[in-house]
Amino acid sequence: MKKRSAMGELVWDHAVQDIPELGLSMERAADKGELEAIARALDLIACAPVTARYTITPNGLGRYRLKGRLYARVEQACVVTLEPVASTIEEPIDVVFWPSEALPAPTSGVVELDEEADPEPIREGRLQVGRVVFECLAASIEPFPRTPGAALERNSSSPAGEAGGEAESPFAVLASLRPKG
């Protein structure tokens, strides 16, 4: 049985000693158990397939670059109708891994937008490729999926629906609740 984290992440680790000098090319596909764990962790109706094609190349000084593409098909519940909404995800992956001791110290909260993304740590001599793929998938999912044409209807009996159908300000609604006199 494969080890999985509580977050449903994929455990597609690679030991650094197993990566040749010229690099390693892989194609991985989530199995049935991994797909179920991903769906649970990301609150999906279903996901299949989830695959990644990638290359890991040594960059010297114990550093490695992971470059490839994530492919997935997911099904989510529409936030309005709860009907299934299917979408296809295709995202690039480009991450560098550094030995933990070589990671830069955290800065004072200033974010430099022009810089390369922070490197991922190499943990216990392993590159956690599955965690990176899972996080890329999680970040690519539509946060508020809707079926085409789905819209929330306004309740005309609510205070916001009165006065000719125009919404009152929240302060006007609160003022109308205050006792008069």
N, C-alpha and C. Protein backbone atom coordinates (compact mmCIF):
# COMPACT_ATOMS: atom_id res chain seq x y z
N MET A 1 0.85 -1.18 0.00
CA MET A 1 0.00 0.00 0.00
C MET A 1 0.89 1.24 0.00
N LYS A 2 0.52 2.23 -0.82
CA LYS A 2 1.30 3.46 -0.89
C LYS A 2 0.99 4.35 0.29
N LYS A 3 2.00 5.06 0.75
CA LYS A 3 1.82 6.00 1.84
C LYS A 3 1.18 7.28 1.30
N ARG A 4 0.17 7.79 2.00
CA ARG A 4 -0.46 9.04 1.61
C ARG A 4 -0.51 9.96 2.82
N SER A 5 -0.44 11.24 2.56
CA SER A 5 -0.57 12.20 3.65
C SER A 5 -2.04 12.45 3.93
N ALA A 6 -2.31 13.13 5.02
CA ALA A 6 -3.69 13.44 5.39
C ALA A 6 -4.35 14.37 4.37
N MET A 7 -3.57 15.10 3.59
CA MET A 7 -4.12 16.06 2.62
C MET A 7 -4.50 15.39 1.29
N GLY A 8 -4.24 14.12 1.13
CA GLY A 8 -4.57 13.47 -0.13
C GLY A 8 -3.54 13.70 -1.21
N GLU A 9 -2.38 14.21 -0.82
CA GLU A 9 -1.34 14.48 -1.80
C GLU A 9 -0.83 13.19 -2.42
N LEU A 10 -0.34 13.31 -3.59
CA LEU A 10 0.28 12.19 -4.28
C LEU A 10 1.68 11.98 -3.72
N VAL A 11 2.05 10.75 -3.50
CA VAL A 11 3.39 10.46 -3.02
C VAL A 11 4.19 9.92 -4.21
N TRP A 12 4.67 10.87 -5.01
CA TRP A 12 5.48 10.55 -6.17
C TRP A 12 6.88 11.10 -5.93
N ASP A 13 7.52 10.63 -4.90
CA ASP A 13 8.84 11.12 -4.52
C ASP A 13 9.93 10.48 -5.39
N HIS A 14 11.02 11.20 -5.51
CA HIS A 14 12.20 10.68 -6.21
C HIS A 14 13.41 10.91 -5.32
N ALA A 15 14.17 9.86 -5.06
CA ALA A 15 15.41 9.98 -4.30
C ALA A 15 16.45 10.66 -5.19
N VAL A 16 17.18 11.62 -4.63
CA VAL A 16 18.15 12.36 -5.43
C VAL A 16 19.24 11.44 -5.99
N GLN A 17 19.60 10.38 -5.26
CA GLN A 17 20.64 9.48 -5.76
C GLN A 17 20.17 8.67 -6.96
N ASP A 18 18.85 8.62 -7.22
CA ASP A 18 18.32 7.88 -8.37
C ASP A 18 18.19 8.73 -9.63
N ILE A 19 18.54 10.01 -9.54
CA ILE A 19 18.42 10.90 -10.70
C ILE A 19 19.76 10.96 -11.43
N PRO A 20 19.79 10.48 -12.68
CA PRO A 20 21.05 10.48 -13.44
C PRO A 20 21.55 11.90 -13.73
N GLU A 21 22.83 12.02 -14.05
CA GLU A 21 23.42 13.33 -14.37
C GLU A 21 22.72 14.01 -15.54
N LEU A 22 22.22 13.23 -16.49
CA LEU A 22 21.55 13.81 -17.64
C LEU A 22 20.07 14.08 -17.39
N GLY A 23 19.59 13.71 -16.22
CA GLY A 23 18.20 13.98 -15.87
C GLY A 23 17.33 12.74 -15.94
N LEU A 24 16.09 12.91 -15.51
CA LEU A 24 15.13 11.82 -15.44
C LEU A 24 13.82 12.31 -16.03
N SER A 25 13.28 11.60 -17.01
CA SER A 25 11.99 11.94 -17.59
C SER A 25 10.97 10.91 -17.15
N MET A 26 9.79 11.40 -16.76
CA MET A 26 8.75 10.52 -16.22
C MET A 26 7.38 10.94 -16.74
N GLU A 27 6.49 9.96 -16.74
CA GLU A 27 5.07 10.22 -16.89
C GLU A 27 4.39 9.42 -15.80
N ARG A 28 3.63 10.10 -14.96
CA ARG A 28 2.94 9.44 -13.85
C ARG A 28 1.45 9.68 -13.98
N ALA A 29 0.67 8.69 -13.58
CA ALA A 29 -0.79 8.80 -13.57
C ALA A 29 -1.28 8.33 -12.21
N ALA A 30 -2.21 9.09 -11.65
CA ALA A 30 -2.78 8.73 -10.35
C ALA A 30 -3.60 7.46 -10.49
N ASP A 31 -3.43 6.54 -9.53
CA ASP A 31 -4.24 5.32 -9.54
C ASP A 31 -5.60 5.59 -8.90
N LYS A 32 -6.45 4.58 -8.86
CA LYS A 32 -7.82 4.74 -8.36
C LYS A 32 -7.85 5.28 -6.93
N GLY A 33 -7.03 4.72 -6.06
CA GLY A 33 -6.99 5.18 -4.67
C GLY A 33 -6.52 6.62 -4.56
N GLU A 34 -5.51 6.99 -5.36
CA GLU A 34 -5.01 8.36 -5.35
C GLU A 34 -6.07 9.33 -5.87
N LEU A 35 -6.79 8.94 -6.92
CA LEU A 35 -7.86 9.79 -7.47
C LEU A 35 -8.95 10.02 -6.44
N GLU A 36 -9.32 8.98 -5.70
CA GLU A 36 -10.34 9.13 -4.65
C GLU A 36 -9.85 10.05 -3.55
N ALA A 37 -8.58 9.92 -3.16
CA ALA A 37 -8.02 10.78 -2.11
C ALA A 37 -7.96 12.24 -2.57
N ILE A 38 -7.60 12.46 -3.82
CA ILE A 38 -7.57 13.82 -4.37
C ILE A 38 -8.97 14.42 -4.37
N ALA A 39 -9.96 13.65 -4.83
CA ALA A 39 -11.34 14.14 -4.88
C ALA A 39 -11.83 14.52 -3.48
N ARG A 40 -11.52 13.69 -2.49
CA ARG A 40 -11.93 14.01 -1.10
C ARG A 40 -11.23 15.28 -0.61
N ALA A 41 -9.92 15.35 -0.81
CA ALA A 41 -9.14 16.47 -0.30
C ALA A 41 -9.55 17.79 -0.94
N LEU A 42 -9.94 17.77 -2.20
CA LEU A 42 -10.28 19.01 -2.92
C LEU A 42 -11.79 19.21 -3.07
N ASP A 43 -12.58 18.38 -2.40
CA ASP A 43 -14.05 18.48 -2.43
C ASP A 43 -14.58 18.45 -3.87
N LEU A 44 -14.12 17.45 -4.62
CA LEU A 44 -14.54 17.26 -6.01
C LEU A 44 -15.56 16.13 -6.07
N ILE A 45 -16.43 16.17 -7.07
CA ILE A 45 -17.32 15.04 -7.30
C ILE A 45 -16.49 13.87 -7.81
N ALA A 46 -15.58 14.17 -8.72
CA ALA A 46 -14.69 13.14 -9.28
C ALA A 46 -13.50 13.81 -9.94
N CYS A 47 -12.46 13.03 -10.13
CA CYS A 47 -11.33 13.48 -10.95
C CYS A 47 -10.71 12.25 -11.59
N ALA A 48 -10.55 12.33 -12.87
CA ALA A 48 -9.89 11.26 -13.62
C ALA A 48 -9.79 11.71 -15.06
N PRO A 49 -8.69 11.62 -15.64
CA PRO A 49 -7.40 11.20 -15.08
C PRO A 49 -6.68 12.39 -14.46
N VAL A 50 -5.63 12.10 -13.71
CA VAL A 50 -4.66 13.09 -13.26
C VAL A 50 -3.30 12.52 -13.63
N THR A 51 -2.63 13.20 -14.55
CA THR A 51 -1.32 12.73 -14.99
C THR A 51 -0.35 13.91 -15.02
N ALA A 52 0.92 13.57 -14.96
CA ALA A 52 1.97 14.58 -15.07
C ALA A 52 3.10 13.99 -15.90
N ARG A 53 3.57 14.80 -16.82
CA ARG A 53 4.78 14.47 -17.60
C ARG A 53 5.82 15.48 -17.18
N TYR A 54 7.00 14.99 -16.78
CA TYR A 54 8.00 15.92 -16.27
C TYR A 54 9.40 15.38 -16.43
N THR A 55 10.33 16.31 -16.30
CA THR A 55 11.76 16.00 -16.32
C THR A 55 12.38 16.63 -15.09
N ILE A 56 13.27 15.89 -14.45
CA ILE A 56 14.03 16.40 -13.32
C ILE A 56 15.48 16.44 -13.76
N THR A 57 16.10 17.62 -13.68
CA THR A 57 17.49 17.75 -14.09
C THR A 57 18.31 18.34 -12.95
N PRO A 58 19.51 17.79 -12.72
CA PRO A 58 20.40 18.37 -11.71
C PRO A 58 20.91 19.73 -12.19
N ASN A 59 20.98 20.70 -11.27
CA ASN A 59 21.46 22.04 -11.62
C ASN A 59 22.76 22.39 -10.91
N GLY A 60 23.41 21.42 -10.28
CA GLY A 60 24.64 21.69 -9.54
C GLY A 60 24.34 22.14 -8.12
N LEU A 61 25.31 22.06 -7.26
CA LEU A 61 25.20 22.44 -5.85
C LEU A 61 24.08 21.69 -5.13
N GLY A 62 23.76 20.49 -5.61
CA GLY A 62 22.72 19.69 -4.98
C GLY A 62 21.30 20.16 -5.28
N ARG A 63 21.16 20.99 -6.29
CA ARG A 63 19.85 21.55 -6.68
C ARG A 63 19.31 20.81 -7.90
N TYR A 64 17.97 20.81 -8.03
CA TYR A 64 17.31 20.12 -9.13
C TYR A 64 16.17 20.99 -9.66
N ARG A 65 15.89 20.87 -10.95
CA ARG A 65 14.76 21.58 -11.57
C ARG A 65 13.75 20.54 -12.04
N LEU A 66 12.49 20.76 -11.67
CA LEU A 66 11.36 19.95 -12.10
C LEU A 66 10.60 20.78 -13.12
N LYS A 67 10.46 20.24 -14.32
CA LYS A 67 9.76 20.97 -15.38
C LYS A 67 8.87 20.00 -16.12
N GLY A 68 7.62 20.39 -16.33
CA GLY A 68 6.70 19.51 -17.03
C GLY A 68 5.30 20.10 -17.14
N ARG A 69 4.31 19.20 -17.27
CA ARG A 69 2.91 19.62 -17.41
C ARG A 69 2.01 18.69 -16.61
N LEU A 70 0.99 19.29 -16.04
CA LEU A 70 -0.06 18.57 -15.33
C LEU A 70 -1.28 18.53 -16.22
N TYR A 71 -1.91 17.37 -16.32
CA TYR A 71 -3.16 17.19 -17.06
C TYR A 71 -4.17 16.56 -16.11
N ALA A 72 -5.37 17.12 -16.07
CA ALA A 72 -6.41 16.55 -15.21
C ALA A 72 -7.79 16.89 -15.75
N ARG A 73 -8.71 16.05 -15.42
CA ARG A 73 -10.13 16.31 -15.70
C ARG A 73 -10.84 16.19 -14.37
N VAL A 74 -11.55 17.25 -13.98
CA VAL A 74 -12.22 17.26 -12.68
C VAL A 74 -13.70 17.57 -12.87
N GLU A 75 -14.48 17.13 -11.90
CA GLU A 75 -15.91 17.39 -11.87
C GLU A 75 -16.24 17.97 -10.50
N GLN A 76 -16.82 19.19 -10.51
CA GLN A 76 -17.17 19.89 -9.29
C GLN A 76 -18.68 20.15 -9.26
N ALA A 77 -19.19 20.48 -8.10
CA ALA A 77 -20.60 20.85 -7.98
C ALA A 77 -20.75 22.34 -8.25
N CYS A 78 -21.72 22.69 -9.09
CA CYS A 78 -22.03 24.08 -9.38
C CYS A 78 -22.43 24.77 -8.07
N VAL A 79 -21.92 25.97 -7.82
CA VAL A 79 -22.22 26.68 -6.59
C VAL A 79 -23.66 27.19 -6.54
N VAL A 80 -24.37 27.18 -7.68
CA VAL A 80 -25.74 27.65 -7.72
C VAL A 80 -26.72 26.48 -7.75
N THR A 81 -26.50 25.55 -8.68
CA THR A 81 -27.47 24.46 -8.91
C THR A 81 -27.06 23.13 -8.30
N LEU A 82 -25.80 23.00 -7.92
CA LEU A 82 -25.19 21.76 -7.43
C LEU A 82 -25.07 20.69 -8.51
N GLU A 83 -25.36 21.04 -9.76
CA GLU A 83 -25.17 20.11 -10.88
C GLU A 83 -23.67 19.94 -11.13
N PRO A 84 -23.25 18.79 -11.67
CA PRO A 84 -21.83 18.58 -11.96
C PRO A 84 -21.33 19.54 -13.05
N VAL A 85 -20.14 20.08 -12.82
CA VAL A 85 -19.47 20.95 -13.78
C VAL A 85 -18.12 20.31 -14.08
N ALA A 86 -17.91 19.91 -15.32
CA ALA A 86 -16.65 19.27 -15.72
C ALA A 86 -15.70 20.31 -16.28
N SER A 87 -14.42 20.14 -15.98
CA SER A 87 -13.41 21.02 -16.56
C SER A 87 -12.12 20.24 -16.77
N THR A 88 -11.36 20.72 -17.72
CA THR A 88 -10.06 20.12 -18.03
C THR A 88 -8.98 21.10 -17.60
N ILE A 89 -7.97 20.58 -16.96
CA ILE A 89 -6.87 21.40 -16.46
C ILE A 89 -5.60 20.95 -17.17
N GLU A 90 -4.87 21.91 -17.67
CA GLU A 90 -3.55 21.67 -18.26
C GLU A 90 -2.67 22.83 -17.80
N GLU A 91 -1.73 22.53 -16.93
CA GLU A 91 -0.90 23.56 -16.32
C GLU A 91 0.58 23.21 -16.42
N PRO A 92 1.41 24.22 -16.65
CA PRO A 92 2.86 23.97 -16.62
C PRO A 92 3.35 23.84 -15.18
N ILE A 93 4.41 23.08 -15.02
CA ILE A 93 5.07 22.93 -13.73
C ILE A 93 6.53 23.30 -13.94
N ASP A 94 7.02 24.21 -13.12
CA ASP A 94 8.43 24.61 -13.19
C ASP A 94 8.86 25.00 -11.78
N VAL A 95 9.56 24.11 -11.13
CA VAL A 95 9.93 24.28 -9.73
C VAL A 95 11.39 23.88 -9.55
N VAL A 96 12.08 24.57 -8.64
CA VAL A 96 13.44 24.17 -8.29
C VAL A 96 13.43 23.62 -6.87
N PHE A 97 14.24 22.61 -6.66
CA PHE A 97 14.43 22.00 -5.34
C PHE A 97 15.85 22.29 -4.88
N TRP A 98 15.99 22.71 -3.63
CA TRP A 98 17.29 22.98 -3.04
C TRP A 98 17.44 22.17 -1.78
N PRO A 99 18.69 21.84 -1.41
CA PRO A 99 18.90 21.21 -0.10
C PRO A 99 18.39 22.16 0.99
N SER A 100 17.78 21.62 2.03
CA SER A 100 17.19 22.44 3.10
C SER A 100 18.17 23.46 3.66
N GLU A 101 19.42 23.04 3.85
CA GLU A 101 20.40 23.95 4.45
C GLU A 101 20.80 25.10 3.51
N ALA A 102 20.51 24.99 2.22
CA ALA A 102 20.85 26.03 1.25
C ALA A 102 19.69 26.99 0.98
N LEU A 103 18.53 26.73 1.56
CA LEU A 103 17.37 27.59 1.33
C LEU A 103 17.62 28.97 1.90
N PRO A 104 17.19 30.00 1.18
CA PRO A 104 17.40 31.36 1.70
C PRO A 104 16.56 31.58 2.96
N ALA A 105 17.05 32.43 3.83
CA ALA A 105 16.32 32.76 5.06
C ALA A 105 15.09 33.57 4.69
N PRO A 106 14.00 33.40 5.43
CA PRO A 106 12.79 34.19 5.15
C PRO A 106 13.09 35.68 5.28
N THR A 107 12.45 36.46 4.42
CA THR A 107 12.64 37.92 4.45
C THR A 107 11.56 38.57 5.29
N SER A 108 11.59 39.84 5.38
CA SER A 108 10.72 40.59 6.29
C SER A 108 9.30 40.79 5.77
N GLY A 109 8.84 39.96 4.88
CA GLY A 109 7.47 40.08 4.40
C GLY A 109 7.35 40.87 3.11
N VAL A 110 8.44 41.39 2.60
CA VAL A 110 8.41 42.11 1.33
C VAL A 110 8.43 41.07 0.22
N VAL A 111 7.47 41.17 -0.68
CA VAL A 111 7.35 40.21 -1.77
C VAL A 111 7.92 40.84 -3.03
N GLU A 112 8.93 40.20 -3.60
CA GLU A 112 9.51 40.64 -4.86
C GLU A 112 8.83 39.88 -5.99
N LEU A 113 8.01 40.57 -6.77
CA LEU A 113 7.24 39.90 -7.81
C LEU A 113 8.07 39.51 -9.03
N ASP A 114 9.21 40.14 -9.22
CA ASP A 114 10.03 39.84 -10.39
C ASP A 114 10.94 38.65 -10.19
N GLU A 115 11.06 38.19 -8.96
CA GLU A 115 11.97 37.09 -8.67
C GLU A 115 11.33 35.74 -9.00
N GLU A 116 12.19 34.75 -9.16
CA GLU A 116 11.73 33.37 -9.37
C GLU A 116 11.04 32.88 -8.10
N ALA A 117 10.13 31.94 -8.25
CA ALA A 117 9.41 31.39 -7.10
C ALA A 117 10.40 30.79 -6.10
N ASP A 118 10.01 30.79 -4.84
CA ASP A 118 10.86 30.22 -3.80
C ASP A 118 11.15 28.75 -4.10
N PRO A 119 12.38 28.32 -3.82
CA PRO A 119 12.70 26.91 -4.05
C PRO A 119 12.00 26.00 -3.04
N GLU A 120 11.74 24.79 -3.48
CA GLU A 120 11.16 23.75 -2.62
C GLU A 120 12.31 23.04 -1.91
N PRO A 121 12.09 22.61 -0.68
CA PRO A 121 13.16 21.91 0.03
C PRO A 121 13.29 20.45 -0.41
N ILE A 122 14.50 19.95 -0.42
CA ILE A 122 14.74 18.53 -0.59
C ILE A 122 14.67 17.95 0.82
N ARG A 123 13.74 17.04 1.04
CA ARG A 123 13.51 16.49 2.38
C ARG A 123 13.97 15.05 2.43
N GLU A 124 14.84 14.77 3.37
CA GLU A 124 15.36 13.41 3.58
C GLU A 124 15.89 12.81 2.27
N GLY A 125 16.55 13.66 1.47
CA GLY A 125 17.15 13.19 0.22
C GLY A 125 16.16 12.89 -0.89
N ARG A 126 14.94 13.44 -0.76
CA ARG A 126 13.89 13.13 -1.73
C ARG A 126 13.24 14.40 -2.26
N LEU A 127 12.88 14.37 -3.56
CA LEU A 127 12.12 15.45 -4.19
C LEU A 127 10.65 15.06 -4.13
N GLN A 128 9.83 15.88 -3.52
CA GLN A 128 8.41 15.56 -3.35
C GLN A 128 7.61 16.08 -4.54
N VAL A 129 7.76 15.40 -5.65
CA VAL A 129 7.11 15.78 -6.90
C VAL A 129 5.59 15.66 -6.78
N GLY A 130 5.09 14.64 -6.14
CA GLY A 130 3.65 14.46 -5.99
C GLY A 130 2.99 15.60 -5.24
N ARG A 131 3.66 16.11 -4.22
CA ARG A 131 3.11 17.25 -3.47
C ARG A 131 3.02 18.47 -4.36
N VAL A 132 4.04 18.70 -5.20
CA VAL A 132 4.03 19.83 -6.12
C VAL A 132 2.89 19.68 -7.14
N VAL A 133 2.71 18.48 -7.68
CA VAL A 133 1.64 18.23 -8.65
C VAL A 133 0.27 18.46 -7.99
N PHE A 134 0.10 17.94 -6.77
CA PHE A 134 -1.16 18.12 -6.05
C PHE A 134 -1.45 19.60 -5.81
N GLU A 135 -0.45 20.36 -5.37
CA GLU A 135 -0.64 21.79 -5.11
C GLU A 135 -0.94 22.56 -6.39
N CYS A 136 -0.31 22.17 -7.49
CA CYS A 136 -0.60 22.80 -8.78
C CYS A 136 -2.05 22.53 -9.19
N LEU A 137 -2.50 21.30 -9.00
CA LEU A 137 -3.88 20.94 -9.30
C LEU A 137 -4.84 21.74 -8.41
N ALA A 138 -4.57 21.78 -7.12
CA ALA A 138 -5.45 22.50 -6.18
C ALA A 138 -5.55 23.98 -6.55
N ALA A 139 -4.44 24.58 -6.96
CA ALA A 139 -4.43 26.00 -7.32
C ALA A 139 -5.13 26.27 -8.65
N SER A 140 -5.26 25.25 -9.49
CA SER A 140 -5.84 25.43 -10.82
C SER A 140 -7.34 25.19 -10.88
N ILE A 141 -7.91 24.65 -9.83
CA ILE A 141 -9.34 24.34 -9.83
C ILE A 141 -10.16 25.61 -9.68
N GLU A 142 -11.24 25.71 -10.43
CA GLU A 142 -12.15 26.85 -10.36
C GLU A 142 -12.74 26.94 -8.95
N PRO A 143 -12.55 28.07 -8.24
CA PRO A 143 -13.06 28.14 -6.87
C PRO A 143 -14.59 28.22 -6.77
N PHE A 144 -15.26 28.77 -7.79
CA PHE A 144 -16.71 28.90 -7.77
C PHE A 144 -17.29 28.42 -9.10
N PRO A 145 -17.29 27.11 -9.32
CA PRO A 145 -17.76 26.59 -10.62
C PRO A 145 -19.26 26.83 -10.80
N ARG A 146 -19.64 27.14 -12.04
CA ARG A 146 -21.05 27.35 -12.36
C ARG A 146 -21.37 26.66 -13.67
N THR A 147 -22.59 26.09 -13.73
CA THR A 147 -23.06 25.57 -15.00
C THR A 147 -23.40 26.75 -15.88
N PRO A 148 -23.30 26.62 -17.20
CA PRO A 148 -23.61 27.74 -18.08
C PRO A 148 -25.03 28.27 -17.82
N GLY A 149 -25.15 29.58 -17.65
CA GLY A 149 -26.43 30.21 -17.44
C GLY A 149 -26.94 30.19 -16.01
N ALA A 150 -26.23 29.55 -15.09
CA ALA A 150 -26.68 29.48 -13.70
C ALA A 150 -26.50 30.85 -13.04
N ALA A 151 -27.55 31.33 -12.38
CA ALA A 151 -27.49 32.62 -11.70
C ALA A 151 -28.35 32.55 -10.45
N LEU A 152 -27.92 33.25 -9.44
CA LEU A 152 -28.71 33.34 -8.22
C LEU A 152 -29.88 34.29 -8.45
N GLU A 153 -31.06 33.88 -8.01
CA GLU A 153 -32.23 34.75 -8.16
C GLU A 153 -32.40 35.53 -6.88
N ARG A 154 -32.80 36.80 -7.03
CA ARG A 154 -33.06 37.65 -5.87
C ARG A 154 -34.45 37.39 -5.37
N ASN A 155 -34.57 37.32 -4.08
CA ASN A 155 -35.86 37.15 -3.44
C ASN A 155 -36.51 38.53 -3.33
N SER A 156 -37.63 38.76 -4.04
CA SER A 156 -38.25 40.08 -4.07
C SER A 156 -38.90 40.45 -2.75
N SER A 157 -39.07 39.51 -1.83
CA SER A 157 -39.67 39.83 -0.53
C SER A 157 -38.65 40.31 0.48
N SER A 158 -37.36 40.27 0.11
CA SER A 158 -36.34 40.74 1.05
C SER A 158 -36.25 42.25 1.01
N PRO A 159 -35.70 42.88 2.05
CA PRO A 159 -35.58 44.34 2.05
C PRO A 159 -34.78 44.85 0.87
N ALA A 160 -33.79 44.11 0.41
CA ALA A 160 -32.98 44.56 -0.72
C ALA A 160 -33.78 44.51 -2.02
N GLY A 161 -34.83 43.73 -2.07
CA GLY A 161 -35.62 43.60 -3.29
C GLY A 161 -36.72 44.62 -3.37
N GLU A 162 -36.96 45.42 -2.32
CA GLU A 162 -38.01 46.43 -2.32
C GLU A 162 -37.53 47.69 -3.02
N ALA A 163 -38.35 48.69 -3.05
CA ALA A 163 -38.04 50.00 -3.63
C ALA A 163 -37.71 49.88 -5.10
N GLY A 164 -38.61 49.27 -5.85
CA GLY A 164 -38.46 49.21 -7.30
C GLY A 164 -37.41 48.24 -7.76
N GLY A 165 -37.05 47.27 -6.94
CA GLY A 165 -36.11 46.24 -7.36
C GLY A 165 -34.66 46.64 -7.17
N GLU A 166 -34.39 47.88 -6.72
CA GLU A 166 -33.02 48.27 -6.50
C GLU A 166 -32.60 47.93 -5.08
N ALA A 167 -31.39 47.53 -4.91
CA ALA A 167 -30.89 47.15 -3.59
C ALA A 167 -30.63 48.39 -2.75
N GLU A 168 -31.07 48.35 -1.50
CA GLU A 168 -30.77 49.42 -0.57
C GLU A 168 -29.39 49.19 -0.01
N SER A 169 -28.81 50.25 0.53
CA SER A 169 -27.51 50.08 1.16
C SER A 169 -27.70 49.30 2.46
N PRO A 170 -26.71 48.60 2.92
CA PRO A 170 -26.83 47.86 4.18
C PRO A 170 -27.14 48.79 5.35
N PHE A 171 -26.65 50.03 5.29
CA PHE A 171 -26.90 50.97 6.37
C PHE A 171 -28.36 51.41 6.41
N ALA A 172 -28.98 51.56 5.23
CA ALA A 172 -30.40 51.92 5.19
C ALA A 172 -31.25 50.80 5.76
N VAL A 173 -30.88 49.56 5.48
CA VAL A 173 -31.62 48.42 6.02
C VAL A 173 -31.48 48.39 7.53
N LEU A 174 -30.26 48.63 8.05
CA LEU A 174 -30.06 48.65 9.50
C LEU A 174 -30.83 49.80 10.16
N ALA A 175 -30.84 50.96 9.50
CA ALA A 175 -31.56 52.11 10.04
C ALA A 175 -33.05 51.83 10.15
N SER A 176 -33.59 51.07 9.21
CA SER A 176 -35.02 50.75 9.25
C SER A 176 -35.36 49.80 10.39
N LEU A 177 -34.37 49.10 10.91
CA LEU A 177 -34.58 48.17 12.02
C LEU A 177 -34.51 48.86 13.38
N ARG A 178 -33.93 50.05 13.42
CA ARG A 178 -33.76 50.78 14.67
C ARG A 178 -35.12 51.27 15.17
N PRO A 179 -35.37 51.16 16.48
CA PRO A 179 -36.64 51.65 17.02
C PRO A 179 -36.80 53.15 16.80
N LYS A 180 -37.99 53.55 16.43
CA LYS A 180 -38.24 54.96 16.16
C LYS A 180 -38.73 55.64 17.42
N GLY A 181 -38.37 56.88 17.60
CA GLY A 181 -38.91 57.65 18.70
C GLY A 181 -37.95 58.12 19.70
